[in-house]
Amino acid sequence: MKKIRSGKVREVYDLENGKMVIVTTDRISAFDVILPTEIPGKGKVLNALSNFWFDFTKDICKNHMISADTREMPAEFQGAEFEGRTILVEKLKMIPYEVIVRGYMFGSMYEAYKKGESFLGHSFEKEYALAEKLSEPIVTPSTKAEEGHDVNVTLGQMKADIGEDLGGKIERAALAIYKKCYDHALKNGIIIADTKFEFGLDSEGALVLADEVLTPDSSRFWDEAAYEVGKSPASYDKQFVRDWLSKNNLAGDASIKSIPAEIVEKTAALYRDCAKKIAGVEI
């Protein structure tokens, strides 16, 4: 067993038998900086949501999940500190793209739209206001950069790189997963404005959903009760942390020593509420 990646939030261990263990920590990052203060329970929320969605969408696409029971993992992962935040997964040949599904006119897409420009190969006939729901969700991939920032590309560019057949399968799977999960979240008071997926291929070449799925860290969640077309909605994620950093001119400052307890608790409560509403889980 060896650690093969220590990301902003997750620790990944290769068991060298075609399986991996992923541990989701309570770390939080903002403006590309891993912050020194953790958010209690955040890792368990992210893990619970991903596990819920993996089960919820397994009829659409196979996923990499094998078990969330630490008793089925090596002894090193059977301590209490790993409970609720650790999964055993199938090791895959990862596809080097993040697959972003956008359901609302927002962010960089809205900026391009306001200028009358197409957005990554997508043009819009209908007139849209800020944060308005699109007639149909769209897929806009981005490259997965080892260093620096990911680069947005068109769906056509991704398909030209990995093949039309595989690219088409990914596009169809991403849209189907988004639509099914969007409906479930909306019934529970949360709008999934956009999200990113990652896919890989198993040993037989089948498409497999991997990484994390539809969490506040990988998606833009909005409170349905407070949502208004034309206004920028508050996000169900680390917005309290981002706002505090910006207000105190600390955005992107790697020397920050701590985050105030009030900001930590507000953020933790937001994550817990998300898990309860979507997955019915109390963290």
C-alpha atoms as a PDB file:
ATOM      1  CA  MET A   1       0.000   0.000   0.000  1.00  0.00           C
ATOM      2  CA  LYS A   2       1.292   3.444  -0.864  1.00  0.00           C
ATOM      3  CA  LYS A   3      -0.122   6.958  -0.823  1.00  0.00           C
ATOM      4  CA  ILE A   4      -0.337   8.120  -4.418  1.00  0.00           C
ATOM      5  CA  ARG A   5      -2.009  11.491  -3.975  1.00  0.00           C
ATOM      6  CA  SER A   6      -2.622  14.074  -1.289  1.00  0.00           C
ATOM      7  CA  GLY A   7      -5.065  16.551  -2.765  1.00  0.00           C
ATOM      8  CA  LYS A   8      -6.757  19.631  -1.404  1.00  0.00           C
ATOM      9  CA  VAL A   9      -9.295  17.441   0.391  1.00  0.00           C
ATOM     10  CA  ARG A  10      -8.619  13.763  -0.351  1.00  0.00           C
ATOM     11  CA  GLU A  11      -5.867  11.276   0.435  1.00  0.00           C
ATOM     12  CA  VAL A  12      -5.600   8.413  -2.071  1.00  0.00           C
ATOM     13  CA  TYR A  13      -3.857   5.101  -1.352  1.00  0.00           C
ATOM     14  CA  ASP A  14      -3.030   2.424  -3.912  1.00  0.00           C
ATOM     15  CA  LEU A  15      -3.510  -1.088  -2.513  1.00  0.00           C
ATOM     16  CA  GLU A  16      -1.676  -2.421  -5.584  1.00  0.00           C
ATOM     17  CA  ASN A  17      -4.317  -5.084  -6.201  1.00  0.00           C
ATOM     18  CA  GLY A  18      -6.503  -3.116  -8.601  1.00  0.00           C
ATOM     19  CA  LYS A  19      -8.118  -1.254  -5.703  1.00  0.00           C
ATOM     20  CA  MET A  20      -7.606   2.064  -3.941  1.00  0.00           C
ATOM     21  CA  VAL A  21      -8.682   3.638  -0.666  1.00  0.00           C
ATOM     22  CA  ILE A  22      -9.857   7.252  -0.665  1.00  0.00           C
ATOM     23  CA  VAL A  23     -10.035   9.211   2.593  1.00  0.00           C
ATOM     24  CA  THR A  24     -11.980  12.484   2.538  1.00  0.00           C
ATOM     25  CA  THR A  25     -10.575  14.918   5.072  1.00  0.00           C
ATOM     26  CA  ASP A  26     -12.115  18.018   6.674  1.00  0.00           C
ATOM     27  CA  ARG A  27      -9.668  20.295   4.857  1.00  0.00           C
ATOM     28  CA  ILE A  28     -11.047  23.293   3.013  1.00  0.00           C
ATOM     29  CA  SER A  29      -9.481  25.345   0.250  1.00  0.00           C
ATOM     30  CA  ALA A  30     -10.421  28.710  -1.184  1.00  0.00           C
ATOM     31  CA  PHE A  31      -8.803  30.839  -3.887  1.00  0.00           C
ATOM     32  CA  ASP A  32      -6.404  27.927  -4.594  1.00  0.00           C
ATOM     33  CA  VAL A  33      -5.071  27.880  -1.011  1.00  0.00           C
ATOM     34  CA  ILE A  34      -5.550  25.027   1.466  1.00  0.00           C
ATOM     35  CA  LEU A  35      -6.581  26.813   4.641  1.00  0.00           C
ATOM     36  CA  PRO A  36      -5.113  25.982   8.061  1.00  0.00           C
ATOM     37  CA  THR A  37      -8.454  25.555   9.854  1.00  0.00           C
ATOM     38  CA  GLU A  38     -10.523  22.469   9.068  1.00  0.00           C
ATOM     39  CA  ILE A  39     -14.333  22.358   8.876  1.00  0.00           C
ATOM     40  CA  PRO A  40     -15.550  19.681  11.344  1.00  0.00           C
ATOM     41  CA  GLY A  41     -17.549  16.956   9.618  1.00  0.00           C
ATOM     42  CA  LYS A  42     -16.994  18.341   6.109  1.00  0.00           C
ATOM     43  CA  GLY A  43     -15.250  15.200   4.900  1.00  0.00           C
ATOM     44  CA  LYS A  44     -18.051  12.994   6.178  1.00  0.00           C
ATOM     45  CA  VAL A  45     -20.612  15.171   4.394  1.00  0.00           C
ATOM     46  CA  LEU A  46     -18.753  14.986   1.090  1.00  0.00           C
ATOM     47  CA  ASN A  47     -18.318  11.233   1.468  1.00  0.00           C
ATOM     48  CA  ALA A  48     -21.965  10.636   2.410  1.00  0.00           C
ATOM     49  CA  LEU A  49     -23.233  12.678  -0.531  1.00  0.00           C
ATOM     50  CA  SER A  50     -20.963  10.993  -3.070  1.00  0.00           C
ATOM     51  CA  ASN A  51     -21.887   7.552  -1.769  1.00  0.00           C
ATOM     52  CA  PHE A  52     -25.586   8.436  -1.932  1.00  0.00           C
ATOM     53  CA  TRP A  53     -25.290   9.632  -5.532  1.00  0.00           C
ATOM     54  CA  PHE A  54     -23.189   6.637  -6.581  1.00  0.00           C
ATOM     55  CA  ASP A  55     -26.008   4.352  -5.466  1.00  0.00           C
ATOM     56  CA  PHE A  56     -28.686   6.657  -6.898  1.00  0.00           C
ATOM     57  CA  THR A  57     -27.140   6.708 -10.387  1.00  0.00           C
ATOM     58  CA  LYS A  58     -25.785   3.173 -10.734  1.00  0.00           C
ATOM     59  CA  ASP A  59     -28.630   2.375 -13.162  1.00  0.00           C
ATOM     60  CA  ILE A  60     -27.222   5.034 -15.529  1.00  0.00           C
ATOM     61  CA  CYS A  61     -23.488   4.395 -15.275  1.00  0.00           C
ATOM     62  CA  LYS A  62     -21.265   2.007 -13.375  1.00  0.00           C
ATOM     63  CA  ASN A  63     -19.202   3.684 -10.634  1.00  0.00           C
ATOM     64  CA  HIS A  64     -15.909   2.922  -8.909  1.00  0.00           C
ATOM     65  CA  MET A  65     -17.407   2.262  -5.457  1.00  0.00           C
ATOM     66  CA  ILE A  66     -16.674  -1.133  -3.873  1.00  0.00           C
ATOM     67  CA  SER A  67     -17.368  -0.556  -0.177  1.00  0.00           C
ATOM     68  CA  ALA A  68     -17.730   2.096   2.512  1.00  0.00           C
ATOM     69  CA  ASP A  69     -17.207  -0.488   5.274  1.00  0.00           C
ATOM     70  CA  THR A  70     -13.744   0.015   6.760  1.00  0.00           C
ATOM     71  CA  ARG A  71     -13.779  -3.610   7.959  1.00  0.00           C
ATOM     72  CA  GLU A  72     -13.307  -4.573   4.315  1.00  0.00           C
ATOM     73  CA  MET A  73     -10.190  -2.410   4.075  1.00  0.00           C
ATOM     74  CA  PRO A  74      -6.620  -2.878   5.352  1.00  0.00           C
ATOM     75  CA  ALA A  75      -6.160  -2.622   9.114  1.00  0.00           C
ATOM     76  CA  GLU A  76      -4.601   0.842   8.771  1.00  0.00           C
ATOM     77  CA  PHE A  77      -8.044   2.241   7.883  1.00  0.00           C
ATOM     78  CA  GLN A  78     -10.086   0.613  10.625  1.00  0.00           C
ATOM     79  CA  GLY A  79      -9.616   3.297  13.269  1.00  0.00           C
ATOM     80  CA  ALA A  80     -12.470   5.562  14.354  1.00  0.00           C
ATOM     81  CA  GLU A  81     -10.890   8.512  12.523  1.00  0.00           C
ATOM     82  CA  PHE A  82     -11.602   6.809   9.182  1.00  0.00           C
ATOM     83  CA  GLU A  83     -15.247   5.969   9.840  1.00  0.00           C
ATOM     84  CA  GLY A  84     -17.699   7.744   7.554  1.00  0.00           C
ATOM     85  CA  ARG A  85     -15.002   9.311   5.398  1.00  0.00           C
ATOM     86  CA  THR A  86     -13.266   6.362   3.741  1.00  0.00           C
ATOM     87  CA  ILE A  87     -14.169   4.245   0.716  1.00  0.00           C
ATOM     88  CA  LEU A  88     -12.679   1.289  -1.127  1.00  0.00           C
ATOM     89  CA  VAL A  89     -12.801   1.787  -4.886  1.00  0.00           C
ATOM     90  CA  GLU A  90     -11.832   0.146  -8.143  1.00  0.00           C
ATOM     91  CA  LYS A  91      -8.677   1.533  -9.716  1.00  0.00           C
ATOM     92  CA  LEU A  92      -9.372   2.928 -13.179  1.00  0.00           C
ATOM     93  CA  LYS A  93      -7.661   4.350 -16.209  1.00  0.00           C
ATOM     94  CA  MET A  94      -8.858   7.914 -15.704  1.00  0.00           C
ATOM     95  CA  ILE A  95     -10.017  10.035 -18.626  1.00  0.00           C
ATOM     96  CA  PRO A  96      -7.999  13.288 -18.523  1.00  0.00           C
ATOM     97  CA  TYR A  97     -11.009  15.614 -18.549  1.00  0.00           C
ATOM     98  CA  GLU A  98     -13.418  17.044 -16.033  1.00  0.00           C
ATOM     99  CA  VAL A  99     -16.902  16.919 -17.507  1.00  0.00           C
ATOM    100  CA  ILE A 100     -18.852  20.005 -16.470  1.00  0.00           C
ATOM    101  CA  VAL A 101     -22.628  20.055 -16.833  1.00  0.00           C
ATOM    102  CA  ARG A 102     -24.195  23.512 -16.702  1.00  0.00           C
ATOM    103  CA  GLY A 103     -27.910  23.944 -16.165  1.00  0.00           C
ATOM    104  CA  TYR A 104     -28.109  27.679 -15.491  1.00  0.00           C
ATOM    105  CA  MET A 105     -26.843  30.863 -17.143  1.00  0.00           C
ATOM    106  CA  PHE A 106     -24.135  31.836 -14.694  1.00  0.00           C
ATOM    107  CA  GLY A 107     -20.448  32.505 -14.166  1.00  0.00           C
ATOM    108  CA  SER A 108     -18.107  32.622 -17.151  1.00  0.00           C
ATOM    109  CA  MET A 109     -20.910  31.452 -19.439  1.00  0.00           C
ATOM    110  CA  TYR A 110     -23.027  34.463 -18.499  1.00  0.00           C
ATOM    111  CA  GLU A 111     -20.060  36.793 -19.058  1.00  0.00           C
ATOM    112  CA  ALA A 112     -19.611  35.421 -22.589  1.00  0.00           C
ATOM    113  CA  TYR A 113     -23.358  35.557 -23.242  1.00  0.00           C
ATOM    114  CA  LYS A 114     -23.557  39.235 -22.217  1.00  0.00           C
ATOM    115  CA  LYS A 115     -20.869  40.039 -24.793  1.00  0.00           C
ATOM    116  CA  GLY A 116     -22.831  38.227 -27.491  1.00  0.00           C
ATOM    117  CA  GLU A 117     -20.178  35.519 -27.725  1.00  0.00           C
ATOM    118  CA  SER A 118     -20.599  31.761 -27.983  1.00  0.00           C
ATOM    119  CA  PHE A 119     -19.411  29.766 -24.970  1.00  0.00           C
ATOM    120  CA  LEU A 120     -17.171  26.788 -25.681  1.00  0.00           C
ATOM    121  CA  GLY A 121     -19.053  25.987 -28.850  1.00  0.00           C
ATOM    122  CA  HIS A 122     -22.516  26.708 -27.452  1.00  0.00           C
ATOM    123  CA  SER A 123     -24.682  29.545 -28.777  1.00  0.00           C
ATOM    124  CA  PHE A 124     -27.942  30.709 -27.218  1.00  0.00           C
ATOM    125  CA  GLU A 125     -30.962  31.739 -29.267  1.00  0.00           C
ATOM    126  CA  LYS A 126     -33.146  32.497 -26.245  1.00  0.00           C
ATOM    127  CA  GLU A 127     -32.659  35.612 -24.142  1.00  0.00           C
ATOM    128  CA  TYR A 128     -31.435  34.835 -20.628  1.00  0.00           C
ATOM    129  CA  ALA A 129     -31.179  36.726 -17.359  1.00  0.00           C
ATOM    130  CA  LEU A 130     -28.478  36.051 -14.784  1.00  0.00           C
ATOM    131  CA  ALA A 131     -28.977  32.668 -13.038  1.00  0.00           C
ATOM    132  CA  GLU A 132     -31.860  31.682 -15.331  1.00  0.00           C
ATOM    133  CA  LYS A 133     -32.357  27.982 -16.069  1.00  0.00           C
ATOM    134  CA  LEU A 134     -31.192  26.920 -19.530  1.00  0.00           C
ATOM    135  CA  SER A 135     -33.657  25.343 -21.941  1.00  0.00           C
ATOM    136  CA  GLU A 136     -31.443  22.247 -21.764  1.00  0.00           C
ATOM    137  CA  PRO A 137     -28.265  21.623 -19.750  1.00  0.00           C
ATOM    138  CA  ILE A 138     -24.995  21.650 -21.681  1.00  0.00           C
ATOM    139  CA  VAL A 139     -21.664  19.831 -21.329  1.00  0.00           C
ATOM    140  CA  THR A 140     -18.394  21.787 -21.326  1.00  0.00           C
ATOM    141  CA  PRO A 141     -15.257  19.742 -20.539  1.00  0.00           C
ATOM    142  CA  SER A 142     -11.994  21.003 -19.142  1.00  0.00           C
ATOM    143  CA  THR A 143      -8.539  19.482 -19.187  1.00  0.00           C
ATOM    144  CA  LYS A 144      -7.138  18.164 -15.898  1.00  0.00           C
ATOM    145  CA  ALA A 145      -3.882  20.028 -15.432  1.00  0.00           C
ATOM    146  CA  GLU A 146      -1.185  18.508 -13.228  1.00  0.00           C
ATOM    147  CA  GLU A 147       0.087  22.024 -12.576  1.00  0.00           C
ATOM    148  CA  GLY A 148      -1.645  25.379 -12.895  1.00  0.00           C
ATOM    149  CA  HIS A 149      -5.278  25.805 -13.866  1.00  0.00           C
ATOM    150  CA  ASP A 150      -7.509  23.504 -15.875  1.00  0.00           C
ATOM    151  CA  VAL A 151      -8.306  24.693 -19.384  1.00  0.00           C
ATOM    152  CA  ASN A 152     -11.881  24.787 -20.688  1.00  0.00           C
ATOM    153  CA  VAL A 153     -12.352  23.124 -24.075  1.00  0.00           C
ATOM    154  CA  THR A 154     -15.275  22.404 -26.356  1.00  0.00           C
ATOM    155  CA  LEU A 155     -17.066  19.088 -26.354  1.00  0.00           C
ATOM    156  CA  GLY A 156     -15.847  18.644 -29.919  1.00  0.00           C
ATOM    157  CA  GLN A 157     -12.228  19.053 -28.837  1.00  0.00           C
ATOM    158  CA  MET A 158     -12.621  16.389 -26.157  1.00  0.00           C
ATOM    159  CA  LYS A 159     -14.272  14.002 -28.620  1.00  0.00           C
ATOM    160  CA  ALA A 160     -11.508  14.600 -31.166  1.00  0.00           C
ATOM    161  CA  ASP A 161      -8.943  13.716 -28.486  1.00  0.00           C
ATOM    162  CA  ILE A 162     -10.504  10.617 -26.915  1.00  0.00           C
ATOM    163  CA  GLY A 163     -12.716   9.463 -29.774  1.00  0.00           C
ATOM    164  CA  GLU A 164     -16.237  10.238 -30.874  1.00  0.00           C
ATOM    165  CA  ASP A 165     -17.700   7.037 -29.440  1.00  0.00           C
ATOM    166  CA  LEU A 166     -16.235   7.402 -25.940  1.00  0.00           C
ATOM    167  CA  GLY A 167     -16.878  11.150 -25.934  1.00  0.00           C
ATOM    168  CA  GLY A 168     -20.507  10.543 -26.850  1.00  0.00           C
ATOM    169  CA  LYS A 169     -20.917   7.974 -24.066  1.00  0.00           C
ATOM    170  CA  ILE A 170     -19.482  10.443 -21.551  1.00  0.00           C
ATOM    171  CA  GLU A 171     -21.724  13.253 -22.754  1.00  0.00           C
ATOM    172  CA  ARG A 172     -24.870  11.102 -22.549  1.00  0.00           C
ATOM    173  CA  ALA A 173     -23.951   9.681 -19.123  1.00  0.00           C
ATOM    174  CA  ALA A 174     -23.115  13.113 -17.666  1.00  0.00           C
ATOM    175  CA  LEU A 175     -26.393  14.645 -18.851  1.00  0.00           C
ATOM    176  CA  ALA A 176     -28.484  11.689 -17.666  1.00  0.00           C
ATOM    177  CA  ILE A 177     -26.843  11.694 -14.228  1.00  0.00           C
ATOM    178  CA  TYR A 178     -27.243  15.452 -13.882  1.00  0.00           C
ATOM    179  CA  LYS A 179     -30.918  15.413 -14.848  1.00  0.00           C
ATOM    180  CA  LYS A 180     -31.850  12.566 -12.496  1.00  0.00           C
ATOM    181  CA  CYS A 181     -29.943  14.073  -9.564  1.00  0.00           C
ATOM    182  CA  TYR A 182     -31.196  17.585 -10.323  1.00  0.00           C
ATOM    183  CA  ASP A 183     -34.803  16.413  -9.969  1.00  0.00           C
ATOM    184  CA  HIS A 184     -34.071  14.690  -6.641  1.00  0.00           C
ATOM    185  CA  ALA A 185     -32.226  17.688  -5.198  1.00  0.00           C
ATOM    186  CA  LEU A 186     -34.913  20.136  -6.329  1.00  0.00           C
ATOM    187  CA  LYS A 187     -37.602  18.125  -4.526  1.00  0.00           C
ATOM    188  CA  ASN A 188     -35.501  18.616  -1.395  1.00  0.00           C
ATOM    189  CA  GLY A 189     -34.992  22.358  -1.750  1.00  0.00           C
ATOM    190  CA  ILE A 190     -31.625  22.522  -3.519  1.00  0.00           C
ATOM    191  CA  ILE A 191     -30.927  23.652  -7.084  1.00  0.00           C
ATOM    192  CA  ILE A 192     -27.896  22.081  -8.749  1.00  0.00           C
ATOM    193  CA  ALA A 193     -26.851  24.907 -11.064  1.00  0.00           C
ATOM    194  CA  ASP A 194     -23.771  23.131 -12.394  1.00  0.00           C
ATOM    195  CA  THR A 195     -21.415  20.340 -11.454  1.00  0.00           C
ATOM    196  CA  LYS A 196     -18.358  18.439 -12.607  1.00  0.00           C
ATOM    197  CA  PHE A 197     -17.927  14.711 -13.131  1.00  0.00           C
ATOM    198  CA  GLU A 198     -14.885  12.544 -13.656  1.00  0.00           C
ATOM    199  CA  PHE A 199     -14.903   9.247 -15.495  1.00  0.00           C
ATOM    200  CA  GLY A 200     -12.520   6.395 -16.061  1.00  0.00           C
ATOM    201  CA  LEU A 201     -12.352   3.048 -17.837  1.00  0.00           C
ATOM    202  CA  ASP A 202     -12.241  -0.280 -16.015  1.00  0.00           C
ATOM    203  CA  SER A 203     -10.098  -3.253 -17.021  1.00  0.00           C
ATOM    204  CA  GLU A 204     -12.706  -4.281 -19.600  1.00  0.00           C
ATOM    205  CA  GLY A 205     -12.971  -0.807 -21.117  1.00  0.00           C
ATOM    206  CA  ALA A 206     -16.365   0.041 -19.602  1.00  0.00           C
ATOM    207  CA  LEU A 207     -17.146   3.643 -18.682  1.00  0.00           C
ATOM    208  CA  VAL A 208     -17.084   4.232 -14.910  1.00  0.00           C
ATOM    209  CA  LEU A 209     -18.109   7.254 -12.826  1.00  0.00           C
ATOM    210  CA  ALA A 210     -15.386   8.130 -10.304  1.00  0.00           C
ATOM    211  CA  ASP A 211     -13.956  10.676  -7.861  1.00  0.00           C
ATOM    212  CA  GLU A 212     -16.674  12.649  -6.026  1.00  0.00           C
ATOM    213  CA  VAL A 213     -20.218  13.202  -7.247  1.00  0.00           C
ATOM    214  CA  LEU A 214     -22.490  16.204  -6.768  1.00  0.00           C
ATOM    215  CA  THR A 215     -21.059  17.591  -3.548  1.00  0.00           C
ATOM    216  CA  PRO A 216     -20.903  21.268  -2.525  1.00  0.00           C
ATOM    217  CA  ASP A 217     -17.189  21.138  -3.416  1.00  0.00           C
ATOM    218  CA  SER A 218     -17.739  19.901  -6.976  1.00  0.00           C
ATOM    219  CA  SER A 219     -21.027  21.654  -7.722  1.00  0.00           C
ATOM    220  CA  ARG A 220     -22.834  24.955  -7.469  1.00  0.00           C
ATOM    221  CA  PHE A 221     -25.760  24.368  -5.090  1.00  0.00           C
ATOM    222  CA  TRP A 222     -28.394  27.064  -4.540  1.00  0.00           C
ATOM    223  CA  ASP A 223     -31.153  27.296  -1.949  1.00  0.00           C
ATOM    224  CA  GLU A 224     -34.368  26.871  -3.961  1.00  0.00           C
ATOM    225  CA  ALA A 225     -36.372  28.918  -1.434  1.00  0.00           C
ATOM    226  CA  ALA A 226     -34.139  31.975  -1.889  1.00  0.00           C
ATOM    227  CA  TYR A 227     -33.586  31.637  -5.642  1.00  0.00           C
ATOM    228  CA  GLU A 228     -34.578  34.536  -7.901  1.00  0.00           C
ATOM    229  CA  VAL A 229     -33.900  34.893 -11.619  1.00  0.00           C
ATOM    230  CA  GLY A 230     -31.749  37.939 -12.269  1.00  0.00           C
ATOM    231  CA  LYS A 231     -29.937  37.825  -8.933  1.00  0.00           C
ATOM    232  CA  SER A 232     -26.741  36.039  -7.955  1.00  0.00           C
ATOM    233  CA  PRO A 233     -27.830  33.274  -5.549  1.00  0.00           C
ATOM    234  CA  ALA A 234     -25.939  32.422  -2.378  1.00  0.00           C
ATOM    235  CA  SER A 235     -24.086  29.129  -2.715  1.00  0.00           C
ATOM    236  CA  TYR A 236     -24.444  26.067  -0.496  1.00  0.00           C
ATOM    237  CA  ASP A 237     -20.727  25.687   0.003  1.00  0.00           C
ATOM    238  CA  LYS A 238     -17.701  27.604   1.301  1.00  0.00           C
ATOM    239  CA  GLN A 239     -19.177  31.011   0.528  1.00  0.00           C
ATOM    240  CA  PHE A 240     -18.895  32.172   4.157  1.00  0.00           C
ATOM    241  CA  VAL A 241     -15.170  31.390   4.032  1.00  0.00           C
ATOM    242  CA  ARG A 242     -14.664  33.074   0.662  1.00  0.00           C
ATOM    243  CA  ASP A 243     -16.545  36.172   1.789  1.00  0.00           C
ATOM    244  CA  TRP A 244     -14.525  36.438   5.022  1.00  0.00           C
ATOM    245  CA  LEU A 245     -11.237  36.061   3.124  1.00  0.00           C
ATOM    246  CA  SER A 246     -12.249  38.691   0.567  1.00  0.00           C
ATOM    247  CA  LYS A 247     -13.490  41.128   3.223  1.00  0.00           C
ATOM    248  CA  ASN A 248     -10.174  40.858   5.067  1.00  0.00           C
ATOM    249  CA  ASN A 249      -8.007  41.026   1.919  1.00  0.00           C
ATOM    250  CA  LEU A 250      -6.791  37.475   2.528  1.00  0.00           C
ATOM    251  CA  ALA A 251      -7.962  35.844  -0.710  1.00  0.00           C
ATOM    252  CA  GLY A 252      -5.094  33.721  -2.028  1.00  0.00           C
ATOM    253  CA  ASP A 253      -2.892  34.494   0.998  1.00  0.00           C
ATOM    254  CA  ALA A 254      -1.080  31.277   1.948  1.00  0.00           C
ATOM    255  CA  SER A 255       0.225  32.802   5.205  1.00  0.00           C
ATOM    256  CA  ILE A 256      -3.202  32.931   6.872  1.00  0.00           C
ATOM    257  CA  LYS A 257      -3.070  31.397  10.371  1.00  0.00           C
ATOM    258  CA  SER A 258      -6.719  30.545  11.126  1.00  0.00           C
ATOM    259  CA  ILE A 259     -10.375  31.100  10.262  1.00  0.00           C
ATOM    260  CA  PRO A 260     -12.700  32.558  12.953  1.00  0.00           C
ATOM    261  CA  ALA A 261     -14.786  29.988  14.840  1.00  0.00           C
ATOM    262  CA  GLU A 262     -18.032  31.671  13.782  1.00  0.00           C
ATOM    263  CA  ILE A 263     -17.160  31.298  10.088  1.00  0.00           C
ATOM    264  CA  VAL A 264     -16.134  27.671  10.633  1.00  0.00           C
ATOM    265  CA  GLU A 265     -19.421  26.805  12.356  1.00  0.00           C
ATOM    266  CA  LYS A 266     -21.582  28.577   9.771  1.00  0.00           C
ATOM    267  CA  THR A 267     -19.786  26.696   7.009  1.00  0.00           C
ATOM    268  CA  ALA A 268     -20.036  23.359   8.820  1.00  0.00           C
ATOM    269  CA  ALA A 269     -23.772  23.908   9.357  1.00  0.00           C
ATOM    270  CA  LEU A 270     -24.266  24.591   5.647  1.00  0.00           C
ATOM    271  CA  TYR A 271     -22.523  21.359   4.680  1.00  0.00           C
ATOM    272  CA  ARG A 272     -24.510  19.362   7.260  1.00  0.00           C
ATOM    273  CA  ASP A 273     -27.780  20.842   6.010  1.00  0.00           C
ATOM    274  CA  CYS A 274     -26.889  19.808   2.489  1.00  0.00           C
ATOM    275  CA  ALA A 275     -26.307  16.185   3.549  1.00  0.00           C
ATOM    276  CA  LYS A 276     -29.572  16.093   5.474  1.00  0.00           C
ATOM    277  CA  LYS A 277     -31.670  17.568   2.659  1.00  0.00           C
ATOM    278  CA  ILE A 278     -30.241  15.472  -0.170  1.00  0.00           C
ATOM    279  CA  ALA A 279     -29.266  12.182   1.442  1.00  0.00           C
ATOM    280  CA  GLY A 280     -31.302  12.264   4.651  1.00  0.00           C
ATOM    281  CA  VAL A 281     -28.065  11.855   6.631  1.00  0.00           C
ATOM    282  CA  GLU A 282     -27.313  13.534   9.971  1.00  0.00           C
ATOM    283  CA  ILE A 283     -23.588  14.358  10.275  1.00  0.00           C
END
